[in-house]
Amino acid sequence: MGRSGVALVLVAGLLLPALSPAQVAGSTLIGVSASELREVTLGWSAERQILHKPVYNDHQERIGRVDDIIVSPDKAVSYAIIGAGGFLGVDRHDVAIPVSQIKLQGGRFVLPGATKAALEASPEFEYAPSVPPAKSPPAKSPPAK
């Protein structure tokens, strides 16, 4: 296939979503719409831009790292789990910090007023035990005729 054929395939691939028919009443959209996709691409990637990144205090001292983020039931990112202390996972101390307290300054996550000792003295965060999903009741069979 020549260059013009490849270009035609690429253009068709880009235009097909725009030319696709509207959803039928009662159908379910899986994923995001084309208009929402732009918003998604402008957002933050937890894996690439947040998780495992160091956290500093306002004196540029490294005090921990972001090990997890907690999404509340209302779908808001509410807490960052900061790993403080320890070496290679030994004596590690996880602390839940409200994301509103963490600032982004000069490309770094900063927790103003914090020290490593203060984080290690904070209550340790522990995950709740996993709860198995509730079983749904068996489907009722139609009455016999």
N, C-alpha and C. Protein backbone atom coordinates (compact mmCIF):
# COMPACT_ATOMS: atom_id res chain seq x y z
N MET A 1 0.86 -1.17 0.00
CA MET A 1 0.00 0.00 0.00
C MET A 1 0.90 1.23 0.00
N GLY A 2 0.62 2.15 -0.89
CA GLY A 2 1.43 3.36 -1.01
C GLY A 2 1.11 4.37 0.07
N ARG A 3 1.83 5.48 0.01
CA ARG A 3 1.62 6.55 1.00
C ARG A 3 0.19 7.09 0.97
N SER A 4 -0.35 7.25 -0.21
CA SER A 4 -1.72 7.78 -0.29
C SER A 4 -2.72 6.80 0.30
N GLY A 5 -2.48 5.50 0.14
CA GLY A 5 -3.37 4.50 0.74
C GLY A 5 -3.30 4.53 2.26
N VAL A 6 -2.10 4.68 2.81
CA VAL A 6 -1.93 4.76 4.27
C VAL A 6 -2.61 6.02 4.79
N ALA A 7 -2.42 7.14 4.08
CA ALA A 7 -3.05 8.40 4.49
C ALA A 7 -4.56 8.28 4.48
N LEU A 8 -5.10 7.61 3.45
CA LEU A 8 -6.55 7.43 3.35
C LEU A 8 -7.08 6.61 4.53
N VAL A 9 -6.36 5.54 4.89
CA VAL A 9 -6.77 4.71 6.02
C VAL A 9 -6.73 5.52 7.31
N LEU A 10 -5.67 6.33 7.51
CA LEU A 10 -5.58 7.15 8.72
C LEU A 10 -6.71 8.17 8.79
N VAL A 11 -6.98 8.86 7.68
CA VAL A 11 -8.06 9.85 7.66
C VAL A 11 -9.40 9.18 7.94
N ALA A 12 -9.64 8.04 7.32
CA ALA A 12 -10.89 7.31 7.55
C ALA A 12 -11.01 6.91 9.01
N GLY A 13 -9.91 6.45 9.60
CA GLY A 13 -9.94 6.06 11.01
C GLY A 13 -10.24 7.23 11.93
N LEU A 14 -9.77 8.41 11.55
CA LEU A 14 -10.03 9.59 12.37
C LEU A 14 -11.45 10.11 12.19
N LEU A 15 -11.99 9.97 10.99
CA LEU A 15 -13.32 10.51 10.72
C LEU A 15 -14.45 9.57 11.11
N LEU A 16 -14.24 8.28 11.12
CA LEU A 16 -15.31 7.34 11.40
C LEU A 16 -16.00 7.60 12.74
N PRO A 17 -15.26 7.88 13.83
CA PRO A 17 -15.98 8.16 15.07
C PRO A 17 -16.89 9.38 14.95
N ALA A 18 -16.46 10.39 14.19
CA ALA A 18 -17.28 11.59 14.03
C ALA A 18 -18.51 11.31 13.18
N LEU A 19 -18.41 10.34 12.26
CA LEU A 19 -19.52 10.03 11.37
C LEU A 19 -20.41 8.92 11.90
N SER A 20 -20.04 8.33 13.04
CA SER A 20 -20.83 7.22 13.57
C SER A 20 -22.20 7.71 14.00
N PRO A 21 -23.20 6.85 13.88
CA PRO A 21 -24.56 7.26 14.21
C PRO A 21 -24.71 7.56 15.71
N ALA A 22 -25.70 8.37 16.02
CA ALA A 22 -25.99 8.71 17.41
C ALA A 22 -26.45 7.45 18.14
N GLN A 23 -26.33 7.50 19.45
CA GLN A 23 -26.76 6.36 20.25
C GLN A 23 -28.26 6.16 20.14
N VAL A 24 -28.67 4.94 20.19
CA VAL A 24 -30.08 4.59 20.15
C VAL A 24 -30.60 4.65 21.58
N ALA A 25 -31.83 5.11 21.75
CA ALA A 25 -32.42 5.16 23.08
C ALA A 25 -32.35 3.80 23.73
N GLY A 26 -31.90 3.77 24.96
CA GLY A 26 -31.81 2.52 25.69
C GLY A 26 -30.44 1.86 25.56
N SER A 27 -29.57 2.37 24.69
CA SER A 27 -28.24 1.78 24.57
C SER A 27 -27.33 2.42 25.62
N THR A 28 -26.23 1.77 25.87
CA THR A 28 -25.30 2.23 26.89
C THR A 28 -23.98 2.60 26.25
N LEU A 29 -23.46 3.78 26.56
CA LEU A 29 -22.16 4.21 26.08
C LEU A 29 -21.09 3.60 26.97
N ILE A 30 -20.15 2.91 26.38
CA ILE A 30 -19.04 2.34 27.12
C ILE A 30 -17.85 3.26 26.93
N GLY A 31 -17.18 3.64 28.02
CA GLY A 31 -16.02 4.51 27.91
C GLY A 31 -16.42 5.97 27.91
N VAL A 32 -15.65 6.78 27.19
CA VAL A 32 -15.93 8.21 27.14
C VAL A 32 -16.31 8.61 25.73
N SER A 33 -17.04 9.71 25.64
CA SER A 33 -17.42 10.23 24.34
C SER A 33 -16.24 10.98 23.74
N ALA A 34 -16.32 11.27 22.47
CA ALA A 34 -15.24 12.00 21.80
C ALA A 34 -15.03 13.36 22.44
N SER A 35 -16.11 14.02 22.86
CA SER A 35 -15.96 15.33 23.49
C SER A 35 -15.31 15.22 24.88
N GLU A 36 -15.53 14.13 25.58
CA GLU A 36 -14.92 13.94 26.89
C GLU A 36 -13.45 13.54 26.79
N LEU A 37 -13.07 12.94 25.67
CA LEU A 37 -11.71 12.46 25.51
C LEU A 37 -10.69 13.57 25.64
N ARG A 38 -10.97 14.73 25.14
CA ARG A 38 -10.04 15.87 25.27
C ARG A 38 -9.80 16.19 26.73
N GLU A 39 -10.86 16.21 27.53
CA GLU A 39 -10.73 16.47 28.97
C GLU A 39 -9.88 15.40 29.64
N VAL A 40 -10.06 14.15 29.25
CA VAL A 40 -9.30 13.05 29.83
C VAL A 40 -7.82 13.21 29.52
N THR A 41 -7.50 13.57 28.27
CA THR A 41 -6.09 13.68 27.89
C THR A 41 -5.39 14.83 28.59
N LEU A 42 -6.14 15.83 29.04
CA LEU A 42 -5.55 16.97 29.75
C LEU A 42 -5.41 16.71 31.25
N GLY A 43 -5.98 15.62 31.72
CA GLY A 43 -5.92 15.30 33.15
C GLY A 43 -4.59 14.71 33.56
N TRP A 44 -4.48 14.37 34.82
CA TRP A 44 -3.25 13.79 35.38
C TRP A 44 -3.32 12.28 35.29
N SER A 45 -2.20 11.67 35.03
CA SER A 45 -2.08 10.22 35.07
C SER A 45 -1.53 9.86 36.44
N ALA A 46 -2.28 9.10 37.22
CA ALA A 46 -1.80 8.72 38.55
C ALA A 46 -0.50 7.95 38.45
N GLU A 47 -0.41 7.03 37.53
CA GLU A 47 0.79 6.20 37.40
C GLU A 47 2.00 7.01 36.96
N ARG A 48 1.83 7.89 36.00
CA ARG A 48 2.98 8.61 35.44
C ARG A 48 3.35 9.87 36.21
N GLN A 49 2.39 10.53 36.86
CA GLN A 49 2.68 11.84 37.42
C GLN A 49 2.49 11.96 38.94
N ILE A 50 1.95 10.94 39.59
CA ILE A 50 1.68 11.07 41.02
C ILE A 50 2.31 9.94 41.82
N LEU A 51 1.96 8.70 41.49
CA LEU A 51 2.42 7.57 42.29
C LEU A 51 3.94 7.44 42.28
N HIS A 52 4.47 7.13 43.45
CA HIS A 52 5.90 6.90 43.68
C HIS A 52 6.75 8.16 43.53
N LYS A 53 6.12 9.32 43.48
CA LYS A 53 6.87 10.58 43.40
C LYS A 53 7.21 11.04 44.82
N PRO A 54 8.37 11.64 44.99
CA PRO A 54 8.76 12.11 46.32
C PRO A 54 7.90 13.28 46.79
N VAL A 55 7.78 13.39 48.10
CA VAL A 55 7.07 14.50 48.74
C VAL A 55 8.10 15.24 49.58
N TYR A 56 8.10 16.55 49.47
CA TYR A 56 9.05 17.39 50.18
C TYR A 56 8.31 18.30 51.16
N ASN A 57 9.05 18.83 52.12
CA ASN A 57 8.47 19.87 52.96
C ASN A 57 8.88 21.22 52.39
N ASP A 58 8.50 22.32 53.04
CA ASP A 58 8.80 23.64 52.51
C ASP A 58 10.27 24.03 52.68
N HIS A 59 11.09 23.14 53.25
CA HIS A 59 12.54 23.36 53.35
C HIS A 59 13.28 22.50 52.33
N GLN A 60 12.57 21.98 51.33
CA GLN A 60 13.10 21.11 50.27
C GLN A 60 13.71 19.82 50.80
N GLU A 61 13.25 19.36 51.97
CA GLU A 61 13.70 18.08 52.52
C GLU A 61 12.71 17.00 52.08
N ARG A 62 13.23 15.89 51.59
CA ARG A 62 12.36 14.79 51.19
C ARG A 62 11.83 14.12 52.45
N ILE A 63 10.50 14.04 52.55
CA ILE A 63 9.89 13.48 53.76
C ILE A 63 9.11 12.20 53.50
N GLY A 64 8.97 11.79 52.27
CA GLY A 64 8.25 10.56 51.95
C GLY A 64 7.98 10.50 50.46
N ARG A 65 7.07 9.59 50.09
CA ARG A 65 6.67 9.48 48.69
C ARG A 65 5.20 9.10 48.62
N VAL A 66 4.57 9.46 47.50
CA VAL A 66 3.17 9.13 47.28
C VAL A 66 3.09 7.66 46.88
N ASP A 67 2.49 6.85 47.74
CA ASP A 67 2.38 5.42 47.46
C ASP A 67 1.00 5.02 46.95
N ASP A 68 0.01 5.84 47.20
CA ASP A 68 -1.34 5.50 46.75
C ASP A 68 -2.19 6.76 46.81
N ILE A 69 -3.31 6.72 46.12
CA ILE A 69 -4.31 7.77 46.25
C ILE A 69 -5.64 7.09 46.57
N ILE A 70 -6.45 7.76 47.36
CA ILE A 70 -7.74 7.21 47.78
C ILE A 70 -8.83 8.02 47.10
N VAL A 71 -9.71 7.32 46.43
CA VAL A 71 -10.87 7.94 45.78
C VAL A 71 -12.07 7.66 46.67
N SER A 72 -12.72 8.72 47.11
CA SER A 72 -13.86 8.58 48.01
C SER A 72 -15.07 8.05 47.26
N PRO A 73 -16.10 7.60 47.98
CA PRO A 73 -17.30 7.08 47.32
C PRO A 73 -17.96 8.08 46.37
N ASP A 74 -17.74 9.40 46.58
CA ASP A 74 -18.33 10.38 45.66
C ASP A 74 -17.41 10.66 44.46
N LYS A 75 -16.42 9.78 44.25
CA LYS A 75 -15.51 9.79 43.10
C LYS A 75 -14.50 10.92 43.12
N ALA A 76 -14.24 11.51 44.27
CA ALA A 76 -13.24 12.57 44.39
C ALA A 76 -11.96 11.99 44.97
N VAL A 77 -10.83 12.44 44.45
CA VAL A 77 -9.56 12.04 45.03
C VAL A 77 -9.45 12.80 46.35
N SER A 78 -9.43 12.08 47.46
CA SER A 78 -9.53 12.75 48.75
C SER A 78 -8.25 12.68 49.57
N TYR A 79 -7.51 11.58 49.50
CA TYR A 79 -6.32 11.42 50.32
C TYR A 79 -5.17 10.86 49.50
N ALA A 80 -3.97 11.27 49.88
CA ALA A 80 -2.76 10.65 49.34
C ALA A 80 -2.16 9.83 50.46
N ILE A 81 -1.74 8.63 50.15
CA ILE A 81 -1.06 7.79 51.13
C ILE A 81 0.43 8.03 50.94
N ILE A 82 1.03 8.62 51.97
CA ILE A 82 2.44 8.97 51.92
C ILE A 82 3.22 7.93 52.71
N GLY A 83 4.18 7.31 52.07
CA GLY A 83 5.07 6.37 52.74
C GLY A 83 6.21 7.15 53.37
N ALA A 84 6.34 7.04 54.67
CA ALA A 84 7.39 7.78 55.38
C ALA A 84 8.22 6.78 56.19
N GLY A 85 9.46 7.10 56.34
CA GLY A 85 10.34 6.26 57.15
C GLY A 85 10.65 4.95 56.46
N GLY A 86 11.42 4.16 57.15
CA GLY A 86 11.75 2.84 56.63
C GLY A 86 12.79 2.87 55.54
N PHE A 87 13.29 1.71 55.25
CA PHE A 87 14.27 1.54 54.19
C PHE A 87 13.94 0.24 53.47
N LEU A 88 13.70 0.33 52.18
CA LEU A 88 13.31 -0.83 51.37
C LEU A 88 12.09 -1.54 51.94
N GLY A 89 11.15 -0.77 52.46
CA GLY A 89 9.90 -1.34 52.97
C GLY A 89 9.93 -1.78 54.41
N VAL A 90 11.11 -1.80 55.04
CA VAL A 90 11.22 -2.21 56.45
C VAL A 90 10.94 -0.99 57.32
N ASP A 91 10.09 -1.15 58.32
CA ASP A 91 9.67 -0.06 59.22
C ASP A 91 8.99 1.08 58.47
N ARG A 92 8.38 0.76 57.37
CA ARG A 92 7.66 1.77 56.60
C ARG A 92 6.42 2.19 57.37
N HIS A 93 6.07 3.46 57.26
CA HIS A 93 4.93 4.02 57.97
C HIS A 93 4.10 4.80 56.96
N ASP A 94 2.90 4.30 56.64
CA ASP A 94 2.01 4.98 55.70
C ASP A 94 1.08 5.93 56.45
N VAL A 95 0.92 7.12 55.90
CA VAL A 95 0.09 8.15 56.52
C VAL A 95 -0.89 8.67 55.47
N ALA A 96 -2.15 8.85 55.86
CA ALA A 96 -3.15 9.44 54.96
C ALA A 96 -3.12 10.95 55.13
N ILE A 97 -2.91 11.64 54.03
CA ILE A 97 -2.85 13.11 54.04
C ILE A 97 -3.93 13.63 53.09
N PRO A 98 -4.79 14.54 53.56
CA PRO A 98 -5.77 15.13 52.63
C PRO A 98 -5.05 15.79 51.46
N VAL A 99 -5.52 15.55 50.25
CA VAL A 99 -4.84 16.11 49.08
C VAL A 99 -4.86 17.63 49.09
N SER A 100 -5.80 18.23 49.79
CA SER A 100 -5.86 19.69 49.86
C SER A 100 -4.66 20.27 50.60
N GLN A 101 -3.96 19.46 51.38
CA GLN A 101 -2.78 19.95 52.11
C GLN A 101 -1.50 19.86 51.28
N ILE A 102 -1.54 19.12 50.19
CA ILE A 102 -0.35 18.94 49.36
C ILE A 102 -0.37 19.97 48.24
N LYS A 103 0.74 20.65 48.07
CA LYS A 103 0.85 21.69 47.05
C LYS A 103 1.81 21.22 45.96
N LEU A 104 1.59 21.70 44.75
CA LEU A 104 2.51 21.43 43.65
C LEU A 104 3.31 22.71 43.45
N GLN A 105 4.60 22.65 43.74
CA GLN A 105 5.47 23.82 43.64
C GLN A 105 6.73 23.44 42.86
N GLY A 106 6.93 24.10 41.74
CA GLY A 106 8.11 23.83 40.93
C GLY A 106 8.19 22.39 40.47
N GLY A 107 7.04 21.79 40.18
CA GLY A 107 7.01 20.41 39.71
C GLY A 107 7.18 19.38 40.82
N ARG A 108 7.20 19.81 42.08
CA ARG A 108 7.37 18.89 43.22
C ARG A 108 6.12 18.93 44.10
N PHE A 109 5.83 17.78 44.72
CA PHE A 109 4.77 17.74 45.72
C PHE A 109 5.35 18.21 47.04
N VAL A 110 4.71 19.22 47.63
CA VAL A 110 5.20 19.82 48.87
C VAL A 110 4.10 19.75 49.92
N LEU A 111 4.48 19.29 51.11
CA LEU A 111 3.58 19.27 52.26
C LEU A 111 4.12 20.30 53.25
N PRO A 112 3.62 21.54 53.16
CA PRO A 112 4.15 22.62 53.98
C PRO A 112 4.05 22.31 55.48
N GLY A 113 5.11 22.65 56.20
CA GLY A 113 5.12 22.49 57.65
C GLY A 113 5.40 21.08 58.14
N ALA A 114 5.54 20.13 57.25
CA ALA A 114 5.73 18.73 57.65
C ALA A 114 7.21 18.42 57.83
N THR A 115 7.46 17.43 58.67
CA THR A 115 8.80 16.87 58.81
C THR A 115 8.66 15.35 58.73
N LYS A 116 9.74 14.68 58.46
CA LYS A 116 9.71 13.23 58.43
C LYS A 116 9.29 12.69 59.80
N ALA A 117 9.81 13.31 60.86
CA ALA A 117 9.47 12.87 62.22
C ALA A 117 7.98 13.05 62.51
N ALA A 118 7.41 14.16 62.04
CA ALA A 118 5.98 14.40 62.26
C ALA A 118 5.14 13.37 61.53
N LEU A 119 5.54 13.00 60.31
CA LEU A 119 4.79 11.98 59.58
C LEU A 119 4.90 10.63 60.29
N GLU A 120 6.10 10.30 60.76
CA GLU A 120 6.29 9.02 61.44
C GLU A 120 5.54 8.97 62.77
N ALA A 121 5.26 10.12 63.36
CA ALA A 121 4.51 10.17 64.61
C ALA A 121 2.99 10.20 64.38
N SER A 122 2.58 10.39 63.13
CA SER A 122 1.15 10.43 62.80
C SER A 122 0.57 9.02 62.84
N PRO A 123 -0.75 8.92 63.03
CA PRO A 123 -1.38 7.60 63.03
C PRO A 123 -1.11 6.87 61.71
N GLU A 124 -0.80 5.60 61.80
CA GLU A 124 -0.49 4.83 60.61
C GLU A 124 -1.77 4.46 59.86
N PHE A 125 -1.71 4.61 58.55
CA PHE A 125 -2.84 4.24 57.71
C PHE A 125 -2.78 2.74 57.43
N GLU A 126 -3.92 2.09 57.55
CA GLU A 126 -4.04 0.68 57.19
C GLU A 126 -5.29 0.52 56.34
N TYR A 127 -5.16 -0.26 55.30
CA TYR A 127 -6.30 -0.49 54.42
C TYR A 127 -7.35 -1.33 55.14
N ALA A 128 -8.62 -1.05 54.85
CA ALA A 128 -9.71 -1.86 55.40
C ALA A 128 -9.64 -3.24 54.74
N PRO A 129 -10.04 -4.27 55.48
CA PRO A 129 -10.05 -5.60 54.86
C PRO A 129 -11.02 -5.62 53.68
N SER A 130 -10.68 -6.39 52.69
CA SER A 130 -11.55 -6.50 51.52
C SER A 130 -12.84 -7.19 51.91
N VAL A 131 -13.92 -6.65 51.41
CA VAL A 131 -15.24 -7.23 51.66
C VAL A 131 -15.71 -7.88 50.37
N PRO A 132 -16.03 -9.18 50.41
CA PRO A 132 -16.50 -9.80 49.17
C PRO A 132 -17.82 -9.19 48.74
N PRO A 133 -18.07 -9.12 47.44
CA PRO A 133 -19.33 -8.54 46.97
C PRO A 133 -20.51 -9.36 47.47
N ALA A 134 -21.59 -8.66 47.74
CA ALA A 134 -22.80 -9.33 48.21
C ALA A 134 -23.36 -10.21 47.10
N LYS A 135 -23.85 -11.37 47.50
CA LYS A 135 -24.45 -12.27 46.52
C LYS A 135 -25.85 -11.77 46.20
N SER A 136 -26.17 -11.79 44.91
CA SER A 136 -27.52 -11.39 44.54
C SER A 136 -28.43 -12.59 44.71
N PRO A 137 -29.68 -12.32 45.05
CA PRO A 137 -30.61 -13.46 45.23
C PRO A 137 -30.81 -14.19 43.92
N PRO A 138 -31.08 -15.49 44.00
CA PRO A 138 -31.28 -16.23 42.76
C PRO A 138 -32.50 -15.69 42.00
N ALA A 139 -32.43 -15.75 40.69
CA ALA A 139 -33.52 -15.27 39.85
C ALA A 139 -34.76 -16.16 40.07
N LYS A 140 -35.89 -15.52 40.15
CA LYS A 140 -37.13 -16.28 40.31
C LYS A 140 -37.53 -16.86 38.97
N SER A 141 -37.93 -18.11 38.99
CA SER A 141 -38.38 -18.73 37.75
C SER A 141 -39.85 -18.38 37.56
N PRO A 142 -40.27 -18.29 36.30
CA PRO A 142 -41.68 -17.93 36.04
C PRO A 142 -42.59 -19.03 36.57
N PRO A 143 -43.80 -18.65 36.94
CA PRO A 143 -44.74 -19.66 37.46
C PRO A 143 -45.04 -20.72 36.41
N ALA A 144 -45.19 -21.93 36.86
CA ALA A 144 -45.50 -23.05 35.97
C ALA A 144 -46.92 -22.90 35.43
N LYS A 145 -47.13 -23.34 34.19
CA LYS A 145 -48.47 -23.26 33.61
C LYS A 145 -49.12 -24.61 33.62
